[in-house]
Full PDB file with SEQRES, HELIX, SHEET, SSBOND, CRYST1, ORIGX, SCALE, CONECT and MASTER records, all heavy atoms in Angstrom:
SEQRES   1 A   32  PHE GLN THR ALA SER THR VAL THR ALA GLU SER ILE SER          
SEQRES   2 A   32  SER MET ILE LEU PHE GLY GLY VAL ALA LEU VAL VAL ILE          
SEQRES   3 A   32  PHE GLY ALA VAL PHE MET                                      
HELIX    1 AA1 GLN A    2  SER A    5  1                                   4    
HELIX    2 AA2 ILE A   12  PHE A   31  1                                  20    
CRYST1    1.000    1.000    1.000  90.00  90.00  90.00 P 1           1          
ORIGX1      1.000000  0.000000  0.000000        0.00000                         
ORIGX2      0.000000  1.000000  0.000000        0.00000                         
ORIGX3      0.000000  0.000000  1.000000        0.00000                         
SCALE1      1.000000  0.000000  0.000000        0.00000                         
SCALE2      0.000000  1.000000  0.000000        0.00000                         
SCALE3      0.000000  0.000000  1.000000        0.00000                         
ATOM      1  N   PHE A   1       0.832  -1.210   0.001  1.00  0.00           N  
ATOM      2  CA  PHE A   1       0.001  -0.001  -0.001  1.00  0.00           C  
ATOM      3  C   PHE A   1       0.863   1.256   0.000  1.00  0.00           C  
ATOM      4  O   PHE A   1       0.580   2.213  -0.732  1.00  0.00           O  
ATOM      5  CB  PHE A   1      -0.933  -0.008   1.205  1.00  0.00           C  
ATOM      6  CG  PHE A   1      -1.783   1.221   1.338  1.00  0.00           C  
ATOM      7  CD1 PHE A   1      -2.904   1.402   0.533  1.00  0.00           C  
ATOM      8  CD2 PHE A   1      -1.448   2.216   2.249  1.00  0.00           C  
ATOM      9  CE1 PHE A   1      -3.674   2.549   0.639  1.00  0.00           C  
ATOM     10  CE2 PHE A   1      -2.218   3.357   2.364  1.00  0.00           C  
ATOM     11  CZ  PHE A   1      -3.335   3.527   1.560  1.00  0.00           C  
ATOM     12  N   GLN A   2       1.910   1.269   0.844  1.00  0.00           N  
ATOM     13  CA  GLN A   2       2.802   2.421   0.888  1.00  0.00           C  
ATOM     14  C   GLN A   2       3.510   2.624  -0.453  1.00  0.00           C  
ATOM     15  O   GLN A   2       3.679   3.752  -0.910  1.00  0.00           O  
ATOM     16  CB  GLN A   2       3.828   2.259   2.006  1.00  0.00           C  
ATOM     17  CG  GLN A   2       3.248   2.333   3.412  1.00  0.00           C  
ATOM     18  CD  GLN A   2       4.284   2.061   4.484  1.00  0.00           C  
ATOM     19  OE1 GLN A   2       5.378   1.606   4.219  1.00  0.00           O  
ATOM     20  NE2 GLN A   2       3.932   2.347   5.735  1.00  0.00           N  
ATOM     21  N   THR A   3       3.924   1.527  -1.060  1.00  0.00           N  
ATOM     22  CA  THR A   3       4.592   1.618  -2.353  1.00  0.00           C  
ATOM     23  C   THR A   3       3.639   2.134  -3.427  1.00  0.00           C  
ATOM     24  O   THR A   3       3.998   2.993  -4.239  1.00  0.00           O  
ATOM     25  CB  THR A   3       5.148   0.248  -2.762  1.00  0.00           C  
ATOM     26  OG1 THR A   3       6.026  -0.235  -1.744  1.00  0.00           O  
ATOM     27  CG2 THR A   3       5.921   0.347  -4.072  1.00  0.00           C  
ATOM     28  N   ALA A   4       2.400   1.612  -3.437  1.00  0.00           N  
ATOM     29  CA  ALA A   4       1.407   2.040  -4.427  1.00  0.00           C  
ATOM     30  C   ALA A   4       1.052   3.521  -4.279  1.00  0.00           C  
ATOM     31  O   ALA A   4       0.793   4.206  -5.269  1.00  0.00           O  
ATOM     32  CB  ALA A   4       0.157   1.175  -4.315  1.00  0.00           C  
ATOM     33  N   SER A   5       1.046   4.003  -3.034  1.00  0.00           N  
ATOM     34  CA  SER A   5       0.694   5.403  -2.797  1.00  0.00           C  
ATOM     35  C   SER A   5       1.758   6.376  -3.284  1.00  0.00           C  
ATOM     36  O   SER A   5       1.472   7.561  -3.486  1.00  0.00           O  
ATOM     37  CB  SER A   5       0.416   5.642  -1.303  1.00  0.00           C  
ATOM     38  OG  SER A   5       1.583   5.403  -0.534  1.00  0.00           O  
ATOM     39  N   THR A   6       2.977   5.899  -3.456  1.00  0.00           N  
ATOM     40  CA  THR A   6       4.068   6.763  -3.908  1.00  0.00           C  
ATOM     41  C   THR A   6       4.326   6.674  -5.401  1.00  0.00           C  
ATOM     42  O   THR A   6       5.200   7.373  -5.920  1.00  0.00           O  
ATOM     43  CB  THR A   6       5.374   6.417  -3.160  1.00  0.00           C  
ATOM     44  OG1 THR A   6       5.716   5.035  -3.422  1.00  0.00           O  
ATOM     45  CG2 THR A   6       5.206   6.615  -1.655  1.00  0.00           C  
ATOM     46  N   VAL A   7       3.585   5.824  -6.100  1.00  0.00           N  
ATOM     47  CA  VAL A   7       3.792   5.640  -7.531  1.00  0.00           C  
ATOM     48  C   VAL A   7       3.289   6.864  -8.300  1.00  0.00           C  
ATOM     49  O   VAL A   7       2.165   7.312  -8.113  1.00  0.00           O  
ATOM     50  CB  VAL A   7       3.091   4.364  -8.041  1.00  0.00           C  
ATOM     51  CG1 VAL A   7       3.216   4.262  -9.560  1.00  0.00           C  
ATOM     52  CG2 VAL A   7       3.706   3.139  -7.393  1.00  0.00           C  
ATOM     53  N   THR A   8       4.125   7.397  -9.171  1.00  0.00           N  
ATOM     54  CA  THR A   8       3.757   8.496 -10.053  1.00  0.00           C  
ATOM     55  C   THR A   8       4.012   8.084 -11.494  1.00  0.00           C  
ATOM     56  O   THR A   8       4.557   7.010 -11.773  1.00  0.00           O  
ATOM     57  CB  THR A   8       4.568   9.758  -9.713  1.00  0.00           C  
ATOM     58  OG1 THR A   8       5.977   9.468  -9.878  1.00  0.00           O  
ATOM     59  CG2 THR A   8       4.315  10.200  -8.265  1.00  0.00           C  
ATOM     60  N   ALA A   9       3.627   8.954 -12.398  1.00  0.00           N  
ATOM     61  CA  ALA A   9       3.839   8.656 -13.815  1.00  0.00           C  
ATOM     62  C   ALA A   9       5.321   8.532 -14.140  1.00  0.00           C  
ATOM     63  O   ALA A   9       5.719   7.747 -15.010  1.00  0.00           O  
ATOM     64  CB  ALA A   9       3.203   9.743 -14.666  1.00  0.00           C  
ATOM     65  N   GLU A  10       6.157   9.289 -13.437  1.00  0.00           N  
ATOM     66  CA  GLU A  10       7.590   9.252 -13.693  1.00  0.00           C  
ATOM     67  C   GLU A  10       8.236   7.980 -13.142  1.00  0.00           C  
ATOM     68  O   GLU A  10       9.282   7.537 -13.646  1.00  0.00           O  
ATOM     69  CB  GLU A  10       8.276  10.480 -13.074  1.00  0.00           C  
ATOM     70  CG  GLU A  10       7.930  11.809 -13.740  1.00  0.00           C  
ATOM     71  CD  GLU A  10       6.584  12.329 -13.316  1.00  0.00           C  
ATOM     72  OE1 GLU A  10       6.018  11.778 -12.313  1.00  0.00           O  
ATOM     73  OE2 GLU A  10       6.057  13.272 -13.950  1.00  0.00           O  
ATOM     74  N   SER A  11       7.641   7.412 -12.080  1.00  0.00           N  
ATOM     75  CA  SER A  11       8.258   6.256 -11.447  1.00  0.00           C  
ATOM     76  C   SER A  11       7.709   4.913 -11.920  1.00  0.00           C  
ATOM     77  O   SER A  11       8.111   3.875 -11.410  1.00  0.00           O  
ATOM     78  CB  SER A  11       8.086   6.351  -9.910  1.00  0.00           C  
ATOM     79  OG  SER A  11       6.709   6.299  -9.558  1.00  0.00           O  
ATOM     80  N   ILE A  12       6.775   4.931 -12.888  1.00  0.00           N  
ATOM     81  CA  ILE A  12       6.193   3.678 -13.371  1.00  0.00           C  
ATOM     82  C   ILE A  12       7.265   2.783 -13.993  1.00  0.00           C  
ATOM     83  O   ILE A  12       7.291   1.568 -13.770  1.00  0.00           O  
ATOM     84  CB  ILE A  12       5.056   3.963 -14.378  1.00  0.00           C  
ATOM     85  CG1 ILE A  12       3.853   4.572 -13.656  1.00  0.00           C  
ATOM     86  CG2 ILE A  12       4.635   2.670 -15.092  1.00  0.00           C  
ATOM     87  CD1 ILE A  12       2.685   4.896 -14.566  1.00  0.00           C  
ATOM     88  N   SER A  13       8.147   3.376 -14.797  1.00  0.00           N  
ATOM     89  CA  SER A  13       9.205   2.581 -15.435  1.00  0.00           C  
ATOM     90  C   SER A  13      10.120   1.948 -14.389  1.00  0.00           C  
ATOM     91  O   SER A  13      10.534   0.787 -14.535  1.00  0.00           O  
ATOM     92  CB  SER A  13      10.022   3.445 -16.383  1.00  0.00           C  
ATOM     93  OG  SER A  13      10.613   4.550 -15.685  1.00  0.00           O  
ATOM     94  N   SER A  14      10.431   2.708 -13.309  1.00  0.00           N  
ATOM     95  CA  SER A  14      11.257   2.161 -12.232  1.00  0.00           C  
ATOM     96  C   SER A  14      10.555   1.016 -11.531  1.00  0.00           C  
ATOM     97  O   SER A  14      11.177   0.008 -11.164  1.00  0.00           O  
ATOM     98  CB  SER A  14      11.614   3.257 -11.219  1.00  0.00           C  
ATOM     99  OG  SER A  14      12.370   4.280 -11.820  1.00  0.00           O  
ATOM    100  N   MET A  15       9.234   1.141 -11.333  1.00  0.00           N  
ATOM    101  CA  MET A  15       8.471   0.091 -10.687  1.00  0.00           C  
ATOM    102  C   MET A  15       8.417  -1.171 -11.537  1.00  0.00           C  
ATOM    103  O   MET A  15       8.493  -2.289 -11.018  1.00  0.00           O  
ATOM    104  CB  MET A  15       7.061   0.581 -10.377  1.00  0.00           C  
ATOM    105  CG  MET A  15       6.989   1.662  -9.309  1.00  0.00           C  
ATOM    106  SD  MET A  15       7.609   1.061  -7.717  1.00  0.00           S  
ATOM    107  CE  MET A  15       6.495  -0.299  -7.416  1.00  0.00           C  
ATOM    108  N   ILE A  16       8.272  -0.984 -12.864  1.00  0.00           N  
ATOM    109  CA  ILE A  16       8.276  -2.147 -13.756  1.00  0.00           C  
ATOM    110  C   ILE A  16       9.631  -2.850 -13.712  1.00  0.00           C  
ATOM    111  O   ILE A  16       9.708  -4.084 -13.662  1.00  0.00           O  
ATOM    112  CB  ILE A  16       7.931  -1.715 -15.196  1.00  0.00           C  
ATOM    113  CG1 ILE A  16       6.489  -1.194 -15.276  1.00  0.00           C  
ATOM    114  CG2 ILE A  16       8.124  -2.878 -16.165  1.00  0.00           C  
ATOM    115  CD1 ILE A  16       6.114  -0.621 -16.623  1.00  0.00           C  
ATOM    116  N   LEU A  17      10.702  -2.051 -13.721  1.00  0.00           N  
ATOM    117  CA  LEU A  17      12.043  -2.613 -13.608  1.00  0.00           C  
ATOM    118  C   LEU A  17      12.210  -3.369 -12.296  1.00  0.00           C  
ATOM    119  O   LEU A  17      12.762  -4.474 -12.260  1.00  0.00           O  
ATOM    120  CB  LEU A  17      13.090  -1.506 -13.713  1.00  0.00           C  
ATOM    121  CG  LEU A  17      14.558  -1.929 -13.487  1.00  0.00           C  
ATOM    122  CD1 LEU A  17      15.001  -2.925 -14.568  1.00  0.00           C  
ATOM    123  CD2 LEU A  17      15.473  -0.702 -13.477  1.00  0.00           C  
ATOM    124  N   PHE A  18      11.716  -2.755 -11.228  1.00  0.00           N  
ATOM    125  CA  PHE A  18      11.811  -3.410  -9.923  1.00  0.00           C  
ATOM    126  C   PHE A  18      11.003  -4.706  -9.890  1.00  0.00           C  
ATOM    127  O   PHE A  18      11.435  -5.703  -9.306  1.00  0.00           O  
ATOM    128  CB  PHE A  18      11.327  -2.473  -8.814  1.00  0.00           C  
ATOM    129  CG  PHE A  18      11.283  -3.133  -7.468  1.00  0.00           C  
ATOM    130  CD1 PHE A  18      12.431  -3.298  -6.723  1.00  0.00           C  
ATOM    131  CD2 PHE A  18      10.082  -3.601  -6.951  1.00  0.00           C  
ATOM    132  CE1 PHE A  18      12.389  -3.932  -5.495  1.00  0.00           C  
ATOM    133  CE2 PHE A  18      10.042  -4.220  -5.715  1.00  0.00           C  
ATOM    134  CZ  PHE A  18      11.201  -4.375  -4.986  1.00  0.00           C  
ATOM    135  N   GLY A  19       9.819  -4.709 -10.516  1.00  0.00           N  
ATOM    136  CA  GLY A  19       9.009  -5.910 -10.569  1.00  0.00           C  
ATOM    137  C   GLY A  19       9.729  -7.051 -11.275  1.00  0.00           C  
ATOM    138  O   GLY A  19       9.676  -8.205 -10.844  1.00  0.00           O  
ATOM    139  N   GLY A  20      10.411  -6.713 -12.396  1.00  0.00           N  
ATOM    140  CA  GLY A  20      11.183  -7.735 -13.096  1.00  0.00           C  
ATOM    141  C   GLY A  20      12.330  -8.269 -12.254  1.00  0.00           C  
ATOM    142  O   GLY A  20      12.583  -9.487 -12.218  1.00  0.00           O  
ATOM    143  N   VAL A  21      13.023  -7.355 -11.560  1.00  0.00           N  
ATOM    144  CA  VAL A  21      14.125  -7.779 -10.688  1.00  0.00           C  
ATOM    145  C   VAL A  21      13.601  -8.643  -9.539  1.00  0.00           C  
ATOM    146  O   VAL A  21      14.235  -9.620  -9.139  1.00  0.00           O  
ATOM    147  CB  VAL A  21      14.874  -6.541 -10.146  1.00  0.00           C  
ATOM    148  CG1 VAL A  21      15.918  -6.966  -9.108  1.00  0.00           C  
ATOM    149  CG2 VAL A  21      15.544  -5.790 -11.271  1.00  0.00           C  
ATOM    150  N   ALA A  22      12.425  -8.292  -9.007  1.00  0.00           N  
ATOM    151  CA  ALA A  22      11.828  -9.060  -7.910  1.00  0.00           C  
ATOM    152  C   ALA A  22      11.543 -10.500  -8.339  1.00  0.00           C  
ATOM    153  O   ALA A  22      11.774 -11.442  -7.571  1.00  0.00           O  
ATOM    154  CB  ALA A  22      10.545  -8.383  -7.423  1.00  0.00           C  
ATOM    155  N   LEU A  23      11.036 -10.666  -9.576  1.00  0.00           N  
ATOM    156  CA  LEU A  23      10.780 -12.019 -10.078  1.00  0.00           C  
ATOM    157  C   LEU A  23      12.079 -12.808 -10.208  1.00  0.00           C  
ATOM    158  O   LEU A  23      12.121 -14.005  -9.890  1.00  0.00           O  
ATOM    159  CB  LEU A  23      10.072 -11.944 -11.435  1.00  0.00           C  
ATOM    160  CG  LEU A  23       8.629 -11.418 -11.425  1.00  0.00           C  
ATOM    161  CD1 LEU A  23       8.091 -11.296 -12.849  1.00  0.00           C  
ATOM    162  CD2 LEU A  23       7.721 -12.327 -10.590  1.00  0.00           C  
ATOM    163  N   VAL A  24      13.145 -12.142 -10.651  1.00  0.00           N  
ATOM    164  CA  VAL A  24      14.449 -12.798 -10.762  1.00  0.00           C  
ATOM    165  C   VAL A  24      14.950 -13.206  -9.375  1.00  0.00           C  
ATOM    166  O   VAL A  24      15.502 -14.300  -9.191  1.00  0.00           O  
ATOM    167  CB  VAL A  24      15.463 -11.868 -11.451  1.00  0.00           C  
ATOM    168  CG1 VAL A  24      16.863 -12.473 -11.420  1.00  0.00           C  
ATOM    169  CG2 VAL A  24      15.047 -11.599 -12.889  1.00  0.00           C  
ATOM    170  N   VAL A  25      14.745 -12.324  -8.378  1.00  0.00           N  
ATOM    171  CA  VAL A  25      15.173 -12.627  -7.012  1.00  0.00           C  
ATOM    172  C   VAL A  25      14.419 -13.828  -6.457  1.00  0.00           C  
ATOM    173  O   VAL A  25      15.012 -14.720  -5.832  1.00  0.00           O  
ATOM    174  CB  VAL A  25      14.972 -11.401  -6.104  1.00  0.00           C  
ATOM    175  CG1 VAL A  25      15.165 -11.773  -4.638  1.00  0.00           C  
ATOM    176  CG2 VAL A  25      15.941 -10.290  -6.482  1.00  0.00           C  
ATOM    177  N   ILE A  26      13.110 -13.880  -6.687  1.00  0.00           N  
ATOM    178  CA  ILE A  26      12.314 -15.007  -6.218  1.00  0.00           C  
ATOM    179  C   ILE A  26      12.782 -16.310  -6.864  1.00  0.00           C  
ATOM    180  O   ILE A  26      12.955 -17.331  -6.202  1.00  0.00           O  
ATOM    181  CB  ILE A  26      10.820 -14.761  -6.487  1.00  0.00           C  
ATOM    182  CG1 ILE A  26      10.320 -13.577  -5.654  1.00  0.00           C  
ATOM    183  CG2 ILE A  26       9.993 -16.012  -6.169  1.00  0.00           C  
ATOM    184  CD1 ILE A  26       8.912 -13.156  -5.994  1.00  0.00           C  
ATOM    185  N   PHE A  27      12.996 -16.250  -8.191  1.00  0.00           N  
ATOM    186  CA  PHE A  27      13.489 -17.436  -8.896  1.00  0.00           C  
ATOM    187  C   PHE A  27      14.854 -17.863  -8.357  1.00  0.00           C  
ATOM    188  O   PHE A  27      15.108 -19.056  -8.140  1.00  0.00           O  
ATOM    189  CB  PHE A  27      13.586 -17.137 -10.394  1.00  0.00           C  
ATOM    190  CG  PHE A  27      14.225 -18.247 -11.194  1.00  0.00           C  
ATOM    191  CD1 PHE A  27      13.503 -19.374 -11.554  1.00  0.00           C  
ATOM    192  CD2 PHE A  27      15.564 -18.159 -11.576  1.00  0.00           C  
ATOM    193  CE1 PHE A  27      14.100 -20.399 -12.285  1.00  0.00           C  
ATOM    194  CE2 PHE A  27      16.171 -19.184 -12.301  1.00  0.00           C  
ATOM    195  CZ  PHE A  27      15.432 -20.298 -12.653  1.00  0.00           C  
ATOM    196  N   GLY A  28      15.739 -16.876  -8.126  1.00  0.00           N  
ATOM    197  CA  GLY A  28      17.068 -17.178  -7.600  1.00  0.00           C  
ATOM    198  C   GLY A  28      17.010 -17.778  -6.207  1.00  0.00           C  
ATOM    199  O   GLY A  28      17.770 -18.699  -5.890  1.00  0.00           O  
ATOM    200  N   ALA A  29      16.109 -17.262  -5.365  1.00  0.00           N  
ATOM    201  CA  ALA A  29      15.972 -17.774  -4.008  1.00  0.00           C  
ATOM    202  C   ALA A  29      15.507 -19.230  -4.022  1.00  0.00           C  
ATOM    203  O   ALA A  29      16.036 -20.074  -3.280  1.00  0.00           O  
ATOM    204  CB  ALA A  29      14.991 -16.913  -3.211  1.00  0.00           C  
ATOM    205  N   VAL A  30      14.532 -19.545  -4.878  1.00  0.00           N  
ATOM    206  CA  VAL A  30      14.051 -20.922  -4.987  1.00  0.00           C  
ATOM    207  C   VAL A  30      15.146 -21.834  -5.530  1.00  0.00           C  
ATOM    208  O   VAL A  30      15.383 -22.933  -5.028  1.00  0.00           O  
ATOM    209  CB  VAL A  30      12.795 -20.984  -5.877  1.00  0.00           C  
ATOM    210  CG1 VAL A  30      12.373 -22.437  -6.084  1.00  0.00           C  
ATOM    211  CG2 VAL A  30      11.652 -20.191  -5.261  1.00  0.00           C  
ATOM    212  N   PHE A  31      15.847 -21.350  -6.574  1.00  0.00           N  
ATOM    213  CA  PHE A  31      16.903 -22.153  -7.197  1.00  0.00           C  
ATOM    214  C   PHE A  31      18.033 -22.454  -6.227  1.00  0.00           C  
ATOM    215  O   PHE A  31      18.488 -23.600  -6.123  1.00  0.00           O  
ATOM    216  CB  PHE A  31      17.440 -21.414  -8.428  1.00  0.00           C  
ATOM    217  CG  PHE A  31      18.570 -22.128  -9.125  1.00  0.00           C  
ATOM    218  CD1 PHE A  31      18.320 -23.198  -9.969  1.00  0.00           C  
ATOM    219  CD2 PHE A  31      19.888 -21.739  -8.917  1.00  0.00           C  
ATOM    220  CE1 PHE A  31      19.368 -23.858 -10.610  1.00  0.00           C  
ATOM    221  CE2 PHE A  31      20.934 -22.400  -9.539  1.00  0.00           C  
ATOM    222  CZ  PHE A  31      20.672 -23.457 -10.389  1.00  0.00           C  
ATOM    223  N   MET A  32      18.487 -21.440  -5.477  1.00  0.00           N  
ATOM    224  CA  MET A  32      19.594 -21.635  -4.556  1.00  0.00           C  
ATOM    225  C   MET A  32      19.208 -22.498  -3.364  1.00  0.00           C  
ATOM    226  O   MET A  32      20.028 -23.239  -2.817  1.00  0.00           O  
ATOM    227  CB  MET A  32      20.126 -20.293  -4.068  1.00  0.00           C  
ATOM    228  CG  MET A  32      20.798 -19.464  -5.147  1.00  0.00           C  
ATOM    229  SD  MET A  32      22.246 -20.269  -5.871  1.00  0.00           S  
ATOM    230  CE  MET A  32      23.375 -20.225  -4.497  1.00  0.00           C  
TER     231      MET A  32                                                      
MASTER        0    0    0    2    0    0    0    6  230    1    0    3          
END                                                                             
């Protein structure tokens, strides 16, 4: 909720990038 409340039009690309990195982190955590 806190993250969603701070999202602006300028930060959407950063959030998408972070979402992709988060998926990689989850995959890496499961793999390791």
